[in-house]
Amino acid sequence: MTTGIEELKLPPKRKGRGPGKKPALVCTSLRLSREAIEFYKGFENQQVKMREVLTEYFLNHTTTKEGAEYAV
């Protein structure tokens, strides 16, 4: 005879990503020109190359926000 308590037990809690792991990427959509898409089609992994180019750009440029300059 069962009491039904076994059915009420919650499954064990799953652990998250944990410390020391790479931060998760954010999913977004982006509209690009046909020329830009054709250029990146020449690379094996288009998303990785686009990410590299964008990261290099914002790491090497300064931006102004509300009059204060800061380097990203």
Protein backbone atom coordinates (compact mmCIF):
# COMPACT_ATOMS: atom_id res chain seq x y z
CA MET A 1 0.00 0.00 0.00
CA THR A 2 1.40 3.39 -1.01
CA THR A 3 0.59 6.70 0.66
CA GLY A 4 0.97 8.83 -2.47
CA ILE A 5 3.80 10.84 -0.94
CA GLU A 6 6.24 9.42 -3.50
CA GLU A 7 4.33 11.23 -6.23
CA LEU A 8 4.54 14.55 -4.37
CA LYS A 9 8.34 14.55 -4.08
CA LEU A 10 9.96 17.19 -6.25
CA PRO A 11 12.74 16.13 -8.63
CA PRO A 12 16.25 17.10 -7.50
CA LYS A 13 17.20 20.67 -8.32
CA ARG A 14 19.52 21.01 -11.32
CA LYS A 15 22.67 23.01 -10.87
CA GLY A 16 23.26 26.09 -13.01
CA ARG A 17 26.23 26.88 -15.22
CA GLY A 18 28.44 27.33 -12.18
CA PRO A 19 31.37 29.66 -11.59
CA GLY A 20 34.25 29.83 -14.02
CA LYS A 21 32.18 29.11 -17.11
CA LYS A 22 31.88 31.43 -20.11
CA PRO A 23 28.89 33.79 -19.89
CA ALA A 24 25.95 32.80 -22.05
CA LEU A 25 25.51 34.59 -25.36
CA VAL A 26 22.39 36.64 -26.04
CA CYS A 27 20.14 35.64 -28.93
CA THR A 28 19.14 38.50 -31.23
CA SER A 29 18.12 39.10 -34.80
CA LEU A 30 19.91 41.56 -37.05
CA ARG A 31 19.08 42.89 -40.50
CA LEU A 32 22.16 43.19 -42.73
CA SER A 33 22.73 44.25 -46.30
CA ARG A 34 22.96 41.63 -49.01
CA GLU A 35 26.63 42.58 -49.55
CA ALA A 36 27.48 41.94 -45.89
CA ILE A 37 25.79 38.53 -45.94
CA GLU A 38 27.59 37.56 -49.16
CA PHE A 39 30.93 38.59 -47.63
CA TYR A 40 30.46 36.47 -44.51
CA LYS A 41 29.26 33.45 -46.51
CA GLY A 42 32.90 33.01 -47.54
CA PHE A 43 33.85 32.03 -43.99
CA GLU A 44 33.42 28.57 -42.52
CA ASN A 45 31.52 29.77 -39.44
CA GLN A 46 29.78 33.04 -40.28
CA GLN A 47 28.48 33.82 -36.77
CA VAL A 48 31.89 33.39 -35.17
CA LYS A 49 33.52 35.68 -37.73
CA MET A 50 30.83 38.35 -37.30
CA ARG A 51 31.24 38.16 -33.51
CA GLU A 52 35.04 38.51 -33.87
CA VAL A 53 34.72 41.57 -36.11
CA LEU A 54 32.18 43.29 -33.85
CA THR A 55 34.18 42.52 -30.70
CA GLU A 56 37.40 43.82 -32.24
CA TYR A 57 35.61 46.99 -33.33
CA PHE A 58 34.13 47.91 -29.96
CA LEU A 59 37.34 47.02 -28.11
CA ASN A 60 39.37 49.37 -30.33
CA HIS A 61 37.06 52.40 -30.38
CA THR A 62 35.93 54.95 -27.85
CA THR A 63 32.33 55.97 -27.55
CA THR A 64 30.72 59.00 -25.96
CA LYS A 65 27.68 58.71 -23.74
CA GLU A 66 26.02 61.81 -22.29
CA GLY A 67 29.17 63.88 -22.79
CA ALA A 68 31.52 61.51 -20.96
CA GLU A 69 34.04 59.55 -22.99
CA TYR A 70 34.75 55.96 -22.10
CA ALA A 71 36.60 53.12 -23.75
CA VAL A 72 34.76 49.84 -24.06
